[in-house]
Amino acid sequence: MINQNSKKVKKIFNKISYKYDFLNNLLSFGMHNLWKKNLIHLLKPENGEIWADLCCGTGDLSFLINEKIFPKGNVIGIDNAQEILNIAINKSDRIKKNKICWKKKDIFEIDESEKFDGICMSYGLRNLESVENGIKKVFRLLKVNGRAGFLDFNHPKRNSFASRFQKIYLRLIVVPISGLFNLRDEYEYIENSIKVFPEAKNLINLSKKIGFKDVKYQTICFGQMGILLLKK
């Protein structure tokens, strides 16, 4: 299940890094913050646990987890795009109670001797070179009974209201607005990435096949976004 080329995706995120947080807030009307908080609420990180935020971007999930695992636990934010990781590091420097460390690395290069109580990813699974291999990697990195959560665009059923709305929103709002910042091409890729991203039922079946004993999927924002929850 090959998806995006990793070098291409890294180049995109390095280029959009300087406006990433601004455009996330603008294009989602700030709702992405609520979706991320909901994901962390569902995952229930606890003080003393070790967590990984894969494809961490500017670190939103890392910061939310840090609040839960502090002071005895720790969080590792991992991303292979240096420019966007630099923004996370700069934001982190302003936080006093901080148990986050940052690593520039492709997630497939993470040493599997490292084991985590939990792993999360927001808008990263869809961008991996292989969604299936990404979920397999997460499975191998988790401790027994570890849990994982993924927030991403939902791939709605073809010709459904959610599908039609998604196309209109991306084509008439997201792409033109990003174009004002010379990032039109970078945001146009979103629609194509959704087309090759598995639908909910396929993500569920794939996760079960890999070995996760508890698999749940829920849509949010009227079917525009989805949360995949896994337990090893």
C-alpha atoms as a PDB file:
ATOM      1  CA  MET A   1       0.000   0.000   0.000  1.00  0.00           C
ATOM      2  CA  ILE A   2       2.410   2.632  -1.251  1.00  0.00           C
ATOM      3  CA  ASN A   3       1.386   6.216  -0.654  1.00  0.00           C
ATOM      4  CA  GLN A   4       3.631   9.272  -0.744  1.00  0.00           C
ATOM      5  CA  ASN A   5       7.284   9.606  -1.655  1.00  0.00           C
ATOM      6  CA  SER A   6       9.094  10.430   1.603  1.00  0.00           C
ATOM      7  CA  LYS A   7      11.567  12.878   0.026  1.00  0.00           C
ATOM      8  CA  LYS A   8       8.731  14.761  -1.657  1.00  0.00           C
ATOM      9  CA  VAL A   9       6.735  14.987   1.576  1.00  0.00           C
ATOM     10  CA  LYS A  10       9.782  16.140   3.548  1.00  0.00           C
ATOM     11  CA  LYS A  11      10.386  18.873   0.973  1.00  0.00           C
ATOM     12  CA  ILE A  12       6.756  19.992   1.219  1.00  0.00           C
ATOM     13  CA  PHE A  13       6.792  20.266   5.002  1.00  0.00           C
ATOM     14  CA  ASN A  14      10.117  22.059   5.074  1.00  0.00           C
ATOM     15  CA  LYS A  15       8.718  24.622   2.633  1.00  0.00           C
ATOM     16  CA  ILE A  16       5.392  25.197   4.407  1.00  0.00           C
ATOM     17  CA  SER A  17       6.928  25.211   7.911  1.00  0.00           C
ATOM     18  CA  TYR A  18       7.054  29.000   8.224  1.00  0.00           C
ATOM     19  CA  LYS A  19       3.262  29.265   7.771  1.00  0.00           C
ATOM     20  CA  TYR A  20       2.209  25.823   9.026  1.00  0.00           C
ATOM     21  CA  ASP A  21       0.701  26.827  12.378  1.00  0.00           C
ATOM     22  CA  PHE A  22      -0.850  29.979  10.948  1.00  0.00           C
ATOM     23  CA  LEU A  23      -2.557  28.138   8.081  1.00  0.00           C
ATOM     24  CA  ASN A  24      -3.687  25.277  10.320  1.00  0.00           C
ATOM     25  CA  ASN A  25      -5.476  27.766  12.535  1.00  0.00           C
ATOM     26  CA  LEU A  26      -6.874  29.758   9.626  1.00  0.00           C
ATOM     27  CA  LEU A  27      -8.049  26.884   7.431  1.00  0.00           C
ATOM     28  CA  SER A  28      -9.588  24.844  10.263  1.00  0.00           C
ATOM     29  CA  PHE A  29     -10.939  27.915  12.082  1.00  0.00           C
ATOM     30  CA  GLY A  30      -8.846  26.769  15.045  1.00  0.00           C
ATOM     31  CA  MET A  31     -10.732  23.478  15.258  1.00  0.00           C
ATOM     32  CA  HIS A  32      -7.587  21.380  14.792  1.00  0.00           C
ATOM     33  CA  ASN A  33      -6.642  22.217  18.379  1.00  0.00           C
ATOM     34  CA  LEU A  34      -9.885  20.658  19.638  1.00  0.00           C
ATOM     35  CA  TRP A  35      -9.409  17.552  17.472  1.00  0.00           C
ATOM     36  CA  LYS A  36      -5.902  17.052  18.832  1.00  0.00           C
ATOM     37  CA  LYS A  37      -7.042  17.538  22.422  1.00  0.00           C
ATOM     38  CA  ASN A  38      -9.789  14.977  21.784  1.00  0.00           C
ATOM     39  CA  LEU A  39      -7.240  12.469  20.480  1.00  0.00           C
ATOM     40  CA  ILE A  40      -5.073  12.846  23.580  1.00  0.00           C
ATOM     41  CA  HIS A  41      -8.138  12.613  25.819  1.00  0.00           C
ATOM     42  CA  LEU A  42      -9.043   9.294  24.187  1.00  0.00           C
ATOM     43  CA  LEU A  43      -5.495   7.948  24.525  1.00  0.00           C
ATOM     44  CA  LYS A  44      -5.213   8.918  28.214  1.00  0.00           C
ATOM     45  CA  PRO A  45      -1.442   9.385  28.688  1.00  0.00           C
ATOM     46  CA  GLU A  46      -0.438   9.047  32.345  1.00  0.00           C
ATOM     47  CA  ASN A  47       2.304  10.507  34.509  1.00  0.00           C
ATOM     48  CA  GLY A  48       5.428   8.376  34.206  1.00  0.00           C
ATOM     49  CA  GLU A  49       4.700   6.942  30.751  1.00  0.00           C
ATOM     50  CA  ILE A  50       6.981   7.142  27.721  1.00  0.00           C
ATOM     51  CA  TRP A  51       5.374   8.419  24.539  1.00  0.00           C
ATOM     52  CA  ALA A  52       6.385   9.105  20.952  1.00  0.00           C
ATOM     53  CA  ASP A  53       4.818  11.731  18.703  1.00  0.00           C
ATOM     54  CA  LEU A  54       5.667  10.562  15.196  1.00  0.00           C
ATOM     55  CA  CYS A  55       5.691  13.005  12.277  1.00  0.00           C
ATOM     56  CA  CYS A  56       5.399  15.553  15.070  1.00  0.00           C
ATOM     57  CA  GLY A  57       5.493  18.664  12.904  1.00  0.00           C
ATOM     58  CA  THR A  58       5.453  21.765  15.090  1.00  0.00           C
ATOM     59  CA  GLY A  59       4.810  19.649  18.178  1.00  0.00           C
ATOM     60  CA  ASP A  60       1.151  20.205  19.081  1.00  0.00           C
ATOM     61  CA  LEU A  61       0.585  16.627  20.267  1.00  0.00           C
ATOM     62  CA  SER A  62       3.932  16.496  22.055  1.00  0.00           C
ATOM     63  CA  PHE A  63       2.983  19.524  24.134  1.00  0.00           C
ATOM     64  CA  LEU A  64      -0.419  18.071  25.017  1.00  0.00           C
ATOM     65  CA  ILE A  65       1.120  14.754  26.071  1.00  0.00           C
ATOM     66  CA  ASN A  66       3.788  16.541  28.082  1.00  0.00           C
ATOM     67  CA  GLU A  67       1.070  18.017  30.284  1.00  0.00           C
ATOM     68  CA  LYS A  68      -0.166  14.497  31.093  1.00  0.00           C
ATOM     69  CA  ILE A  69       3.074  12.584  31.659  1.00  0.00           C
ATOM     70  CA  PHE A  70       4.945  15.296  33.564  1.00  0.00           C
ATOM     71  CA  PRO A  71       7.062  15.064  35.694  1.00  0.00           C
ATOM     72  CA  LYS A  72       7.979  11.345  35.710  1.00  0.00           C
ATOM     73  CA  GLY A  73       7.420  10.485  32.041  1.00  0.00           C
ATOM     74  CA  ASN A  74       8.836  11.771  28.813  1.00  0.00           C
ATOM     75  CA  VAL A  75       7.857  12.456  25.215  1.00  0.00           C
ATOM     76  CA  ILE A  76       9.923  12.101  22.070  1.00  0.00           C
ATOM     77  CA  GLY A  77       8.859  14.239  19.114  1.00  0.00           C
ATOM     78  CA  ILE A  78      10.158  12.784  15.856  1.00  0.00           C
ATOM     79  CA  ASP A  79      10.072  14.284  12.367  1.00  0.00           C
ATOM     80  CA  ASN A  80      12.319  14.043   9.322  1.00  0.00           C
ATOM     81  CA  ALA A  81      11.705  17.643   8.171  1.00  0.00           C
ATOM     82  CA  GLN A  82      14.266  19.838   9.932  1.00  0.00           C
ATOM     83  CA  GLU A  83      12.625  23.217   9.271  1.00  0.00           C
ATOM     84  CA  ILE A  84       9.305  22.258  10.822  1.00  0.00           C
ATOM     85  CA  LEU A  85      11.075  20.479  13.699  1.00  0.00           C
ATOM     86  CA  ASN A  86      13.011  23.674  14.428  1.00  0.00           C
ATOM     87  CA  ILE A  87       9.710  25.442  15.064  1.00  0.00           C
ATOM     88  CA  ALA A  88       8.716  22.757  17.584  1.00  0.00           C
ATOM     89  CA  ILE A  89      12.071  23.104  19.330  1.00  0.00           C
ATOM     90  CA  ASN A  90      11.736  26.895  19.537  1.00  0.00           C
ATOM     91  CA  LYS A  91       8.240  26.587  20.988  1.00  0.00           C
ATOM     92  CA  SER A  92       9.496  23.995  23.458  1.00  0.00           C
ATOM     93  CA  ASP A  93      12.185  26.353  24.763  1.00  0.00           C
ATOM     94  CA  ARG A  94       9.427  28.599  26.121  1.00  0.00           C
ATOM     95  CA  ILE A  95       7.939  25.836  28.298  1.00  0.00           C
ATOM     96  CA  LYS A  96       9.381  25.505  31.811  1.00  0.00           C
ATOM     97  CA  LYS A  97       7.879  22.140  32.788  1.00  0.00           C
ATOM     98  CA  ASN A  98       9.180  20.250  29.815  1.00  0.00           C
ATOM     99  CA  LYS A  99       9.904  16.537  29.393  1.00  0.00           C
ATOM    100  CA  ILE A 100      10.094  16.572  25.608  1.00  0.00           C
ATOM    101  CA  CYS A 101      13.103  15.672  23.501  1.00  0.00           C
ATOM    102  CA  TRP A 102      13.197  16.104  19.749  1.00  0.00           C
ATOM    103  CA  LYS A 103      14.744  13.910  17.076  1.00  0.00           C
ATOM    104  CA  LYS A 104      15.187  14.442  13.346  1.00  0.00           C
ATOM    105  CA  LYS A 105      14.554  10.993  11.938  1.00  0.00           C
ATOM    106  CA  ASP A 106      12.386   9.063   9.524  1.00  0.00           C
ATOM    107  CA  ILE A 107      10.013   6.950  11.575  1.00  0.00           C
ATOM    108  CA  PHE A 108      11.103   3.807   9.744  1.00  0.00           C
ATOM    109  CA  GLU A 109      14.632   4.393  11.070  1.00  0.00           C
ATOM    110  CA  ILE A 110      13.605   4.360  14.742  1.00  0.00           C
ATOM    111  CA  ASP A 111      15.453   1.687  16.721  1.00  0.00           C
ATOM    112  CA  GLU A 112      12.890  -0.972  17.609  1.00  0.00           C
ATOM    113  CA  SER A 113      14.635  -1.676  20.900  1.00  0.00           C
ATOM    114  CA  GLU A 114      12.908   1.536  22.009  1.00  0.00           C
ATOM    115  CA  LYS A 115       9.478   0.693  23.384  1.00  0.00           C
ATOM    116  CA  PHE A 116       6.701   3.137  24.158  1.00  0.00           C
ATOM    117  CA  ASP A 117       3.582   3.120  26.311  1.00  0.00           C
ATOM    118  CA  GLY A 118       1.888   5.158  23.629  1.00  0.00           C
ATOM    119  CA  ILE A 119       2.376   6.568  20.153  1.00  0.00           C
ATOM    120  CA  CYS A 120       0.430   9.282  18.382  1.00  0.00           C
ATOM    121  CA  MET A 121       0.441  10.919  14.990  1.00  0.00           C
ATOM    122  CA  SER A 122      -1.550  13.803  13.550  1.00  0.00           C
ATOM    123  CA  TYR A 123      -1.731  14.222   9.779  1.00  0.00           C
ATOM    124  CA  GLY A 124       1.262  11.941   9.324  1.00  0.00           C
ATOM    125  CA  LEU A 125      -0.020   8.440   8.570  1.00  0.00           C
ATOM    126  CA  ARG A 126      -1.496   9.566   5.245  1.00  0.00           C
ATOM    127  CA  ASN A 127       1.867  11.004   4.211  1.00  0.00           C
ATOM    128  CA  LEU A 128       3.978   7.924   4.843  1.00  0.00           C
ATOM    129  CA  GLU A 129       5.479   6.064   1.922  1.00  0.00           C
ATOM    130  CA  SER A 130       3.452   3.035   3.056  1.00  0.00           C
ATOM    131  CA  VAL A 131       0.484   3.282   5.422  1.00  0.00           C
ATOM    132  CA  GLU A 132       0.631  -0.454   6.107  1.00  0.00           C
ATOM    133  CA  ASN A 133       4.331  -0.392   6.958  1.00  0.00           C
ATOM    134  CA  GLY A 134       3.730   2.649   9.140  1.00  0.00           C
ATOM    135  CA  ILE A 135       1.139   0.845  11.241  1.00  0.00           C
ATOM    136  CA  LYS A 136       3.407  -2.216  11.418  1.00  0.00           C
ATOM    137  CA  LYS A 137       6.245  -0.024  12.664  1.00  0.00           C
ATOM    138  CA  VAL A 138       4.020   1.455  15.355  1.00  0.00           C
ATOM    139  CA  PHE A 139       3.002  -2.059  16.438  1.00  0.00           C
ATOM    140  CA  ARG A 140       6.641  -3.083  16.859  1.00  0.00           C
ATOM    141  CA  LEU A 141       7.503   0.092  18.805  1.00  0.00           C
ATOM    142  CA  LEU A 142       4.705  -0.324  21.343  1.00  0.00           C
ATOM    143  CA  LYS A 143       4.970  -2.138  24.635  1.00  0.00           C
ATOM    144  CA  VAL A 144       2.467  -4.913  25.347  1.00  0.00           C
ATOM    145  CA  ASN A 145      -0.903  -3.222  25.987  1.00  0.00           C
ATOM    146  CA  GLY A 146       0.485  -0.020  24.500  1.00  0.00           C
ATOM    147  CA  ARG A 147      -1.922   2.223  22.619  1.00  0.00           C
ATOM    148  CA  ALA A 148      -1.688   4.366  19.533  1.00  0.00           C
ATOM    149  CA  GLY A 149      -3.831   7.072  18.020  1.00  0.00           C
ATOM    150  CA  PHE A 150      -3.886   8.696  14.585  1.00  0.00           C
ATOM    151  CA  LEU A 151      -5.695  11.886  13.607  1.00  0.00           C
ATOM    152  CA  ASP A 152      -5.984  12.539   9.894  1.00  0.00           C
ATOM    153  CA  PHE A 153      -8.316  13.421   7.058  1.00  0.00           C
ATOM    154  CA  ASN A 154     -11.080  10.871   6.709  1.00  0.00           C
ATOM    155  CA  HIS A 155     -11.434   9.218   3.313  1.00  0.00           C
ATOM    156  CA  PRO A 156     -15.219   9.404   2.875  1.00  0.00           C
ATOM    157  CA  LYS A 157     -17.255   7.161   0.636  1.00  0.00           C
ATOM    158  CA  ARG A 158     -17.298   8.248  -2.982  1.00  0.00           C
ATOM    159  CA  ASN A 159     -20.100  10.655  -3.919  1.00  0.00           C
ATOM    160  CA  SER A 160     -21.194  11.014  -0.290  1.00  0.00           C
ATOM    161  CA  PHE A 161     -21.999  14.454   1.103  1.00  0.00           C
ATOM    162  CA  ALA A 162     -18.782  14.359   3.137  1.00  0.00           C
ATOM    163  CA  SER A 163     -16.768  13.547   0.016  1.00  0.00           C
ATOM    164  CA  ARG A 164     -18.321  16.328  -2.042  1.00  0.00           C
ATOM    165  CA  PHE A 165     -17.913  18.876   0.732  1.00  0.00           C
ATOM    166  CA  GLN A 166     -14.285  17.851   1.227  1.00  0.00           C
ATOM    167  CA  LYS A 167     -13.455  18.403  -2.444  1.00  0.00           C
ATOM    168  CA  ILE A 168     -15.199  21.785  -2.526  1.00  0.00           C
ATOM    169  CA  TYR A 169     -13.484  22.918   0.673  1.00  0.00           C
ATOM    170  CA  LEU A 170     -10.027  21.851  -0.484  1.00  0.00           C
ATOM    171  CA  ARG A 171     -10.374  23.226  -4.016  1.00  0.00           C
ATOM    172  CA  LEU A 172     -12.186  26.498  -3.297  1.00  0.00           C
ATOM    173  CA  ILE A 173     -10.864  27.448   0.138  1.00  0.00           C
ATOM    174  CA  VAL A 174      -7.688  25.621   1.171  1.00  0.00           C
ATOM    175  CA  VAL A 175      -5.778  25.792  -2.114  1.00  0.00           C
ATOM    176  CA  PRO A 176      -6.651  29.420  -3.034  1.00  0.00           C
ATOM    177  CA  ILE A 177      -5.826  30.718   0.458  1.00  0.00           C
ATOM    178  CA  SER A 178      -2.529  28.827   0.616  1.00  0.00           C
ATOM    179  CA  GLY A 179      -1.793  30.214  -2.822  1.00  0.00           C
ATOM    180  CA  LEU A 180      -1.713  33.702  -1.318  1.00  0.00           C
ATOM    181  CA  PHE A 181       1.453  32.579   0.471  1.00  0.00           C
ATOM    182  CA  ASN A 182       2.955  30.906  -2.617  1.00  0.00           C
ATOM    183  CA  LEU A 183       2.095  27.463  -1.237  1.00  0.00           C
ATOM    184  CA  ARG A 184      -0.599  26.459  -3.712  1.00  0.00           C
ATOM    185  CA  ASP A 185       1.221  23.395  -5.045  1.00  0.00           C
ATOM    186  CA  GLU A 186       2.076  22.185  -1.551  1.00  0.00           C
ATOM    187  CA  TYR A 187      -1.561  22.269  -0.422  1.00  0.00           C
ATOM    188  CA  GLU A 188      -2.933  20.850  -3.661  1.00  0.00           C
ATOM    189  CA  TYR A 189      -1.295  17.551  -2.776  1.00  0.00           C
ATOM    190  CA  ILE A 190      -3.731  17.040   0.121  1.00  0.00           C
ATOM    191  CA  GLU A 191      -6.623  15.965  -2.104  1.00  0.00           C
ATOM    192  CA  ASN A 192      -4.493  13.460  -3.992  1.00  0.00           C
ATOM    193  CA  SER A 193      -3.089  12.056  -0.759  1.00  0.00           C
ATOM    194  CA  ILE A 194      -6.618  11.453   0.537  1.00  0.00           C
ATOM    195  CA  LYS A 195      -7.526   9.544  -2.631  1.00  0.00           C
ATOM    196  CA  VAL A 196      -4.867   6.893  -1.927  1.00  0.00           C
ATOM    197  CA  PHE A 197      -5.390   6.889   1.852  1.00  0.00           C
ATOM    198  CA  PRO A 198      -7.390   3.841   3.034  1.00  0.00           C
ATOM    199  CA  GLU A 199     -11.034   4.277   3.977  1.00  0.00           C
ATOM    200  CA  ALA A 200     -12.012   3.645   7.594  1.00  0.00           C
ATOM    201  CA  LYS A 201     -13.017   0.004   7.123  1.00  0.00           C
ATOM    202  CA  ASN A 202      -9.718  -0.742   5.385  1.00  0.00           C
ATOM    203  CA  LEU A 203      -7.710   0.928   8.155  1.00  0.00           C
ATOM    204  CA  ILE A 204      -9.604  -1.161  10.700  1.00  0.00           C
ATOM    205  CA  ASN A 205      -9.060  -4.421   8.829  1.00  0.00           C
ATOM    206  CA  LEU A 206      -5.403  -3.624   8.210  1.00  0.00           C
ATOM    207  CA  SER A 207      -4.781  -2.839  11.881  1.00  0.00           C
ATOM    208  CA  LYS A 208      -6.423  -6.070  13.001  1.00  0.00           C
ATOM    209  CA  LYS A 209      -4.417  -8.043  10.455  1.00  0.00           C
ATOM    210  CA  ILE A 210      -1.196  -6.532  11.810  1.00  0.00           C
ATOM    211  CA  GLY A 211      -2.079  -7.750  15.291  1.00  0.00           C
ATOM    212  CA  PHE A 212      -3.775  -4.981  17.225  1.00  0.00           C
ATOM    213  CA  LYS A 213      -6.288  -6.527  19.618  1.00  0.00           C
ATOM    214  CA  ASP A 214      -8.477  -3.460  20.015  1.00  0.00           C
ATOM    215  CA  VAL A 215      -9.238  -1.259  17.008  1.00  0.00           C
ATOM    216  CA  LYS A 216     -11.654   1.655  16.866  1.00  0.00           C
ATOM    217  CA  TYR A 217     -12.327   4.370  14.317  1.00  0.00           C
ATOM    218  CA  GLN A 218     -14.467   7.452  14.685  1.00  0.00           C
ATOM    219  CA  THR A 219     -15.202  10.327  12.362  1.00  0.00           C
ATOM    220  CA  ILE A 220     -15.324  13.922  13.516  1.00  0.00           C
ATOM    221  CA  CYS A 221     -16.198  17.269  11.932  1.00  0.00           C
ATOM    222  CA  PHE A 222     -19.079  15.805   9.904  1.00  0.00           C
ATOM    223  CA  GLY A 223     -16.933  13.069   8.415  1.00  0.00           C
ATOM    224  CA  GLN A 224     -14.069  15.304   7.327  1.00  0.00           C
ATOM    225  CA  MET A 225     -11.564  13.976   9.847  1.00  0.00           C
ATOM    226  CA  GLY A 226     -11.019  10.571  11.421  1.00  0.00           C
ATOM    227  CA  ILE A 227      -9.402   9.167  14.552  1.00  0.00           C
ATOM    228  CA  LEU A 228      -7.956   5.639  14.534  1.00  0.00           C
ATOM    229  CA  LEU A 229      -7.385   4.161  18.007  1.00  0.00           C
ATOM    230  CA  LEU A 230      -5.322   1.017  18.501  1.00  0.00           C
ATOM    231  CA  LYS A 231      -4.272  -1.158  21.431  1.00  0.00           C
ATOM    232  CA  LYS A 232      -1.570  -3.795  21.194  1.00  0.00           C
END
